[in-house]
Amino acid sequence: MKISSGKYKYRNIELPKGIRPTTGKVREAVISMVMPWLDGALVMDMFAGSGALGLESLSRGAAHCYFCESSRANSKVLISNIAECEAGECSTVYNSDYQAAISRLGSLGLTLDVVFMDPPYEELSYYEKGMNMLQDEGLLDEGSLVVAEHLYDNKLSDTYGFLHRIKEKRYGNIGVDVYIYEKRAQEEE
């Protein structure tokens, strides 16, 4: 697999054993959806695997990506992929579960512009827990996006707290939902 565009275009991405990578078609569609948010963005690749979504974001202008990967073996591949792209200075890797990574990021007092959620599809509870934790830890601000990839037949909620779905796409049996954080709009109602 290769980075499809931007400053890391054509760089090789190794796939860790046993993961289900986001296909090139879906990855390209997801990046196209979030392009207006990427320039100078802080990004989180929550279930990173190979890190392809985070690296595509950095390749297209994101300032920094926080990668979370719980598997030690997969983290080694992820770190190798970051090195292949020479993206070490703009990358932070958390070799922990997503909840610990969210808590650590919350303690830094930063806000994320784009979050990619691509957990194991059978773990439906990860979507709600992850989206709620991002909000509880203060990691989202007005206009922040959360992009959730899932099996299309496993429908996600229209809202999670102040996250509201603004886009829902289907790519074969894969669903991609885009949520925007809009606290002010809801408080004004």
C-alpha atoms as a PDB file:
ATOM      1  CA  MET A   1       0.000   0.000   0.000  1.00  0.00           C
ATOM      2  CA  LYS A   2       1.188   3.533  -0.745  1.00  0.00           C
ATOM      3  CA  ILE A   3       0.335   7.076   0.312  1.00  0.00           C
ATOM      4  CA  SER A   4      -1.851   8.381  -2.499  1.00  0.00           C
ATOM      5  CA  SER A   5      -1.136  12.107  -2.585  1.00  0.00           C
ATOM      6  CA  GLY A   6       0.651  15.046  -1.002  1.00  0.00           C
ATOM      7  CA  LYS A   7       4.203  15.389   0.262  1.00  0.00           C
ATOM      8  CA  TYR A   8       4.532  11.660   1.103  1.00  0.00           C
ATOM      9  CA  LYS A   9       3.011  10.511  -2.194  1.00  0.00           C
ATOM     10  CA  TYR A  10       4.074   7.004  -3.243  1.00  0.00           C
ATOM     11  CA  ARG A  11       5.748   6.247   0.100  1.00  0.00           C
ATOM     12  CA  ASN A  12       5.242   2.612   1.046  1.00  0.00           C
ATOM     13  CA  ILE A  13       2.998   1.687   3.960  1.00  0.00           C
ATOM     14  CA  GLU A  14       3.514  -1.742   5.465  1.00  0.00           C
ATOM     15  CA  LEU A  15       0.418  -3.497   6.777  1.00  0.00           C
ATOM     16  CA  PRO A  16       0.588  -5.176  10.177  1.00  0.00           C
ATOM     17  CA  LYS A  17      -0.418  -8.829  10.172  1.00  0.00           C
ATOM     18  CA  GLY A  18      -4.051  -9.557  10.990  1.00  0.00           C
ATOM     19  CA  ILE A  19      -5.512  -6.084  10.549  1.00  0.00           C
ATOM     20  CA  ARG A  20      -8.266  -5.030   8.185  1.00  0.00           C
ATOM     21  CA  PRO A  21      -6.854  -1.996   6.371  1.00  0.00           C
ATOM     22  CA  THR A  22      -9.040   0.778   5.035  1.00  0.00           C
ATOM     23  CA  THR A  23      -9.138   0.225   1.277  1.00  0.00           C
ATOM     24  CA  GLY A  24      -7.494   2.781  -0.987  1.00  0.00           C
ATOM     25  CA  LYS A  25     -10.880   3.852  -2.387  1.00  0.00           C
ATOM     26  CA  VAL A  26     -12.369   4.454   1.066  1.00  0.00           C
ATOM     27  CA  ARG A  27      -9.177   6.110   2.363  1.00  0.00           C
ATOM     28  CA  GLU A  28      -9.154   8.518  -0.585  1.00  0.00           C
ATOM     29  CA  ALA A  29     -12.860   9.318  -0.094  1.00  0.00           C
ATOM     30  CA  VAL A  30     -12.377   9.937   3.639  1.00  0.00           C
ATOM     31  CA  ILE A  31      -9.410  12.255   3.071  1.00  0.00           C
ATOM     32  CA  SER A  32     -11.377  14.155   0.402  1.00  0.00           C
ATOM     33  CA  MET A  33     -14.220  14.686   2.903  1.00  0.00           C
ATOM     34  CA  VAL A  34     -11.924  16.215   5.534  1.00  0.00           C
ATOM     35  CA  MET A  35      -9.546  18.178   3.244  1.00  0.00           C
ATOM     36  CA  PRO A  36     -10.976  21.596   4.259  1.00  0.00           C
ATOM     37  CA  TRP A  37     -10.042  20.806   7.900  1.00  0.00           C
ATOM     38  CA  LEU A  38      -6.516  19.473   7.308  1.00  0.00           C
ATOM     39  CA  ASP A  39      -4.366  22.558   6.740  1.00  0.00           C
ATOM     40  CA  GLY A  40      -2.418  22.970   9.988  1.00  0.00           C
ATOM     41  CA  ALA A  41      -4.726  20.508  11.771  1.00  0.00           C
ATOM     42  CA  LEU A  42      -4.171  18.414  14.870  1.00  0.00           C
ATOM     43  CA  VAL A  43      -5.333  14.901  13.980  1.00  0.00           C
ATOM     44  CA  MET A  44      -5.882  11.697  15.921  1.00  0.00           C
ATOM     45  CA  ASP A  45      -5.789   8.275  14.255  1.00  0.00           C
ATOM     46  CA  MET A  46      -7.516   6.457  17.113  1.00  0.00           C
ATOM     47  CA  PHE A  47      -7.180   2.819  15.985  1.00  0.00           C
ATOM     48  CA  ALA A  48      -4.152   3.427  13.804  1.00  0.00           C
ATOM     49  CA  GLY A  49      -3.044  -0.007  12.605  1.00  0.00           C
ATOM     50  CA  SER A  50      -0.662   0.903   9.771  1.00  0.00           C
ATOM     51  CA  GLY A  51      -1.278   4.623  10.342  1.00  0.00           C
ATOM     52  CA  ALA A  52      -2.406   5.155   6.760  1.00  0.00           C
ATOM     53  CA  LEU A  53      -5.199   7.654   7.557  1.00  0.00           C
ATOM     54  CA  GLY A  54      -3.000   9.730   9.842  1.00  0.00           C
ATOM     55  CA  LEU A  55      -0.101   9.662   7.389  1.00  0.00           C
ATOM     56  CA  GLU A  56      -2.406  10.649   4.506  1.00  0.00           C
ATOM     57  CA  SER A  57      -3.540  13.601   6.670  1.00  0.00           C
ATOM     58  CA  LEU A  58       0.023  14.673   7.396  1.00  0.00           C
ATOM     59  CA  SER A  59       0.848  14.276   3.716  1.00  0.00           C
ATOM     60  CA  ARG A  60      -1.972  16.711   2.876  1.00  0.00           C
ATOM     61  CA  GLY A  61      -1.075  19.453   5.354  1.00  0.00           C
ATOM     62  CA  ALA A  62      -2.022  18.414   8.898  1.00  0.00           C
ATOM     63  CA  ALA A  63       0.431  19.811  11.447  1.00  0.00           C
ATOM     64  CA  HIS A  64       0.542  16.835  13.823  1.00  0.00           C
ATOM     65  CA  CYS A  65      -1.018  13.391  14.199  1.00  0.00           C
ATOM     66  CA  TYR A  66      -1.508  11.470  17.421  1.00  0.00           C
ATOM     67  CA  PHE A  67      -1.556   7.774  16.575  1.00  0.00           C
ATOM     68  CA  CYS A  68      -3.094   5.266  18.980  1.00  0.00           C
ATOM     69  CA  GLU A  69      -2.379   1.565  18.522  1.00  0.00           C
ATOM     70  CA  SER A  70      -2.820  -0.938  21.350  1.00  0.00           C
ATOM     71  CA  SER A  71      -0.900  -3.829  19.764  1.00  0.00           C
ATOM     72  CA  ARG A  72       2.842  -3.740  20.411  1.00  0.00           C
ATOM     73  CA  ALA A  73       3.584  -5.589  17.137  1.00  0.00           C
ATOM     74  CA  ASN A  74       1.350  -3.238  15.144  1.00  0.00           C
ATOM     75  CA  SER A  75       2.950  -0.216  16.831  1.00  0.00           C
ATOM     76  CA  LYS A  76       6.358  -1.329  15.575  1.00  0.00           C
ATOM     77  CA  VAL A  77       5.005  -1.424  12.010  1.00  0.00           C
ATOM     78  CA  LEU A  78       3.318   1.951  12.546  1.00  0.00           C
ATOM     79  CA  ILE A  79       6.572   3.512  13.775  1.00  0.00           C
ATOM     80  CA  SER A  80       8.364   2.054  10.754  1.00  0.00           C
ATOM     81  CA  ASN A  81       5.730   3.585   8.436  1.00  0.00           C
ATOM     82  CA  ILE A  82       6.148   6.979  10.102  1.00  0.00           C
ATOM     83  CA  ALA A  83       9.914   6.702   9.589  1.00  0.00           C
ATOM     84  CA  GLU A  84       9.412   5.688   5.918  1.00  0.00           C
ATOM     85  CA  CYS A  85       7.463   8.935   5.426  1.00  0.00           C
ATOM     86  CA  GLU A  86      10.017  10.928   7.456  1.00  0.00           C
ATOM     87  CA  ALA A  87       7.087  12.135   9.583  1.00  0.00           C
ATOM     88  CA  GLY A  88       8.604  11.587  13.024  1.00  0.00           C
ATOM     89  CA  GLU A  89       8.678  15.271  13.985  1.00  0.00           C
ATOM     90  CA  CYS A  90       4.938  15.660  13.409  1.00  0.00           C
ATOM     91  CA  SER A  91       3.835  12.331  14.906  1.00  0.00           C
ATOM     92  CA  THR A  92       3.196  11.018  18.398  1.00  0.00           C
ATOM     93  CA  VAL A  93       2.513   7.305  18.923  1.00  0.00           C
ATOM     94  CA  TYR A  94       0.623   5.995  21.930  1.00  0.00           C
ATOM     95  CA  ASN A  95       1.042   2.243  22.319  1.00  0.00           C
ATOM     96  CA  SER A  96      -2.045   1.939  24.517  1.00  0.00           C
ATOM     97  CA  ASP A  97      -5.774   1.392  24.265  1.00  0.00           C
ATOM     98  CA  TYR A  98      -7.852   4.244  22.917  1.00  0.00           C
ATOM     99  CA  GLN A  99      -9.212   5.226  26.351  1.00  0.00           C
ATOM    100  CA  ALA A 100      -5.742   5.687  27.832  1.00  0.00           C
ATOM    101  CA  ALA A 101      -4.632   7.648  24.758  1.00  0.00           C
ATOM    102  CA  ILE A 102      -7.672   9.952  24.957  1.00  0.00           C
ATOM    103  CA  SER A 103      -7.000  10.567  28.656  1.00  0.00           C
ATOM    104  CA  ARG A 104      -3.345  11.378  27.957  1.00  0.00           C
ATOM    105  CA  LEU A 105      -4.288  13.779  25.181  1.00  0.00           C
ATOM    106  CA  GLY A 106      -6.916  15.373  27.429  1.00  0.00           C
ATOM    107  CA  SER A 107      -4.243  16.121  30.021  1.00  0.00           C
ATOM    108  CA  LEU A 108      -2.287  18.102  27.399  1.00  0.00           C
ATOM    109  CA  GLY A 109      -5.066  20.691  27.071  1.00  0.00           C
ATOM    110  CA  LEU A 110      -5.183  20.612  23.279  1.00  0.00           C
ATOM    111  CA  THR A 111      -8.107  20.355  20.887  1.00  0.00           C
ATOM    112  CA  LEU A 112      -8.220  18.106  17.859  1.00  0.00           C
ATOM    113  CA  ASP A 113      -9.459  19.197  14.453  1.00  0.00           C
ATOM    114  CA  VAL A 114     -10.023  15.718  12.962  1.00  0.00           C
ATOM    115  CA  VAL A 115     -10.335  12.306  14.624  1.00  0.00           C
ATOM    116  CA  PHE A 116     -10.382   9.051  12.668  1.00  0.00           C
ATOM    117  CA  MET A 117     -12.167   6.120  14.340  1.00  0.00           C
ATOM    118  CA  ASP A 118     -11.709   2.789  12.629  1.00  0.00           C
ATOM    119  CA  PRO A 119     -11.993   0.220  15.441  1.00  0.00           C
ATOM    120  CA  PRO A 120     -12.490  -3.502  14.999  1.00  0.00           C
ATOM    121  CA  TYR A 121     -15.959  -3.597  13.466  1.00  0.00           C
ATOM    122  CA  GLU A 122     -17.306  -6.112  15.971  1.00  0.00           C
ATOM    123  CA  GLU A 123     -16.586  -3.694  18.865  1.00  0.00           C
ATOM    124  CA  LEU A 124     -19.671  -1.494  18.480  1.00  0.00           C
ATOM    125  CA  SER A 125     -19.326  -0.012  21.973  1.00  0.00           C
ATOM    126  CA  TYR A 126     -16.028   1.641  20.966  1.00  0.00           C
ATOM    127  CA  TYR A 127     -17.830   4.236  18.838  1.00  0.00           C
ATOM    128  CA  GLU A 128     -20.028   5.621  21.603  1.00  0.00           C
ATOM    129  CA  LYS A 129     -17.341   5.331  24.296  1.00  0.00           C
ATOM    130  CA  GLY A 130     -14.727   6.978  22.093  1.00  0.00           C
ATOM    131  CA  MET A 131     -16.929   9.865  20.959  1.00  0.00           C
ATOM    132  CA  ASN A 132     -18.125  10.532  24.500  1.00  0.00           C
ATOM    133  CA  MET A 133     -14.596  10.405  25.934  1.00  0.00           C
ATOM    134  CA  LEU A 134     -13.318  12.858  23.314  1.00  0.00           C
ATOM    135  CA  GLN A 135     -15.955  15.317  24.511  1.00  0.00           C
ATOM    136  CA  ASP A 136     -15.531  14.574  28.228  1.00  0.00           C
ATOM    137  CA  GLU A 137     -11.763  15.171  27.974  1.00  0.00           C
ATOM    138  CA  GLY A 138     -12.285  18.509  26.181  1.00  0.00           C
ATOM    139  CA  LEU A 139     -10.495  17.364  23.016  1.00  0.00           C
ATOM    140  CA  LEU A 140     -13.094  18.764  20.596  1.00  0.00           C
ATOM    141  CA  ASP A 141     -13.985  22.352  19.799  1.00  0.00           C
ATOM    142  CA  GLU A 142     -16.554  23.984  17.533  1.00  0.00           C
ATOM    143  CA  GLY A 143     -16.188  22.480  14.070  1.00  0.00           C
ATOM    144  CA  SER A 144     -14.007  19.510  15.054  1.00  0.00           C
ATOM    145  CA  LEU A 145     -14.730  16.400  12.985  1.00  0.00           C
ATOM    146  CA  VAL A 146     -14.925  12.740  13.945  1.00  0.00           C
ATOM    147  CA  VAL A 147     -14.878  10.276  11.038  1.00  0.00           C
ATOM    148  CA  ALA A 148     -16.158   6.805  11.919  1.00  0.00           C
ATOM    149  CA  GLU A 149     -15.663   3.797   9.639  1.00  0.00           C
ATOM    150  CA  HIS A 150     -17.902   0.792  10.319  1.00  0.00           C
ATOM    151  CA  LEU A 151     -19.816  -2.019   8.691  1.00  0.00           C
ATOM    152  CA  TYR A 152     -22.637  -0.301   6.835  1.00  0.00           C
ATOM    153  CA  ASP A 153     -25.261  -2.576   8.380  1.00  0.00           C
ATOM    154  CA  ASN A 154     -24.099  -1.596  11.888  1.00  0.00           C
ATOM    155  CA  LYS A 155     -25.788   1.799  11.976  1.00  0.00           C
ATOM    156  CA  LEU A 156     -24.346   4.455  14.257  1.00  0.00           C
ATOM    157  CA  SER A 157     -26.377   7.059  16.117  1.00  0.00           C
ATOM    158  CA  ASP A 158     -27.211  10.423  14.526  1.00  0.00           C
ATOM    159  CA  THR A 159     -25.732  12.178  17.571  1.00  0.00           C
ATOM    160  CA  TYR A 160     -23.297  11.532  20.393  1.00  0.00           C
ATOM    161  CA  GLY A 161     -23.500  14.428  22.836  1.00  0.00           C
ATOM    162  CA  PHE A 162     -22.590  17.527  20.816  1.00  0.00           C
ATOM    163  CA  LEU A 163     -21.382  15.459  17.838  1.00  0.00           C
ATOM    164  CA  HIS A 164     -23.926  15.501  15.006  1.00  0.00           C
ATOM    165  CA  ARG A 165     -23.687  13.372  11.879  1.00  0.00           C
ATOM    166  CA  ILE A 166     -23.339  15.576   8.804  1.00  0.00           C
ATOM    167  CA  LYS A 167     -22.459  12.934   6.237  1.00  0.00           C
ATOM    168  CA  GLU A 168     -23.113   9.228   5.773  1.00  0.00           C
ATOM    169  CA  LYS A 169     -21.530   7.349   2.869  1.00  0.00           C
ATOM    170  CA  ARG A 170     -21.542   3.742   1.741  1.00  0.00           C
ATOM    171  CA  TYR A 171     -18.676   1.946   0.001  1.00  0.00           C
ATOM    172  CA  GLY A 172     -19.820  -1.634  -0.565  1.00  0.00           C
ATOM    173  CA  ASN A 173     -20.315  -3.078   2.911  1.00  0.00           C
ATOM    174  CA  ILE A 174     -18.354  -0.232   4.571  1.00  0.00           C
ATOM    175  CA  GLY A 175     -20.034   2.827   6.062  1.00  0.00           C
ATOM    176  CA  VAL A 176     -18.311   6.123   6.765  1.00  0.00           C
ATOM    177  CA  ASP A 177     -20.059   8.634   9.004  1.00  0.00           C
ATOM    178  CA  VAL A 178     -18.745  12.157   9.538  1.00  0.00           C
ATOM    179  CA  TYR A 179     -19.697  13.979  12.735  1.00  0.00           C
ATOM    180  CA  ILE A 180     -19.154  17.648  13.574  1.00  0.00           C
ATOM    181  CA  TYR A 181     -18.878  19.057  17.082  1.00  0.00           C
ATOM    182  CA  GLU A 182     -21.395  21.892  17.479  1.00  0.00           C
ATOM    183  CA  LYS A 183     -21.857  22.855  21.103  1.00  0.00           C
ATOM    184  CA  ARG A 184     -22.816  26.501  20.565  1.00  0.00           C
ATOM    185  CA  ALA A 185     -25.596  25.700  18.092  1.00  0.00           C
ATOM    186  CA  GLN A 186     -27.203  23.243  20.514  1.00  0.00           C
ATOM    187  CA  GLU A 187     -26.873  25.605  23.494  1.00  0.00           C
ATOM    188  CA  GLU A 188     -28.616  28.400  21.547  1.00  0.00           C
ATOM    189  CA  GLU A 189     -31.703  26.249  20.842  1.00  0.00           C
END
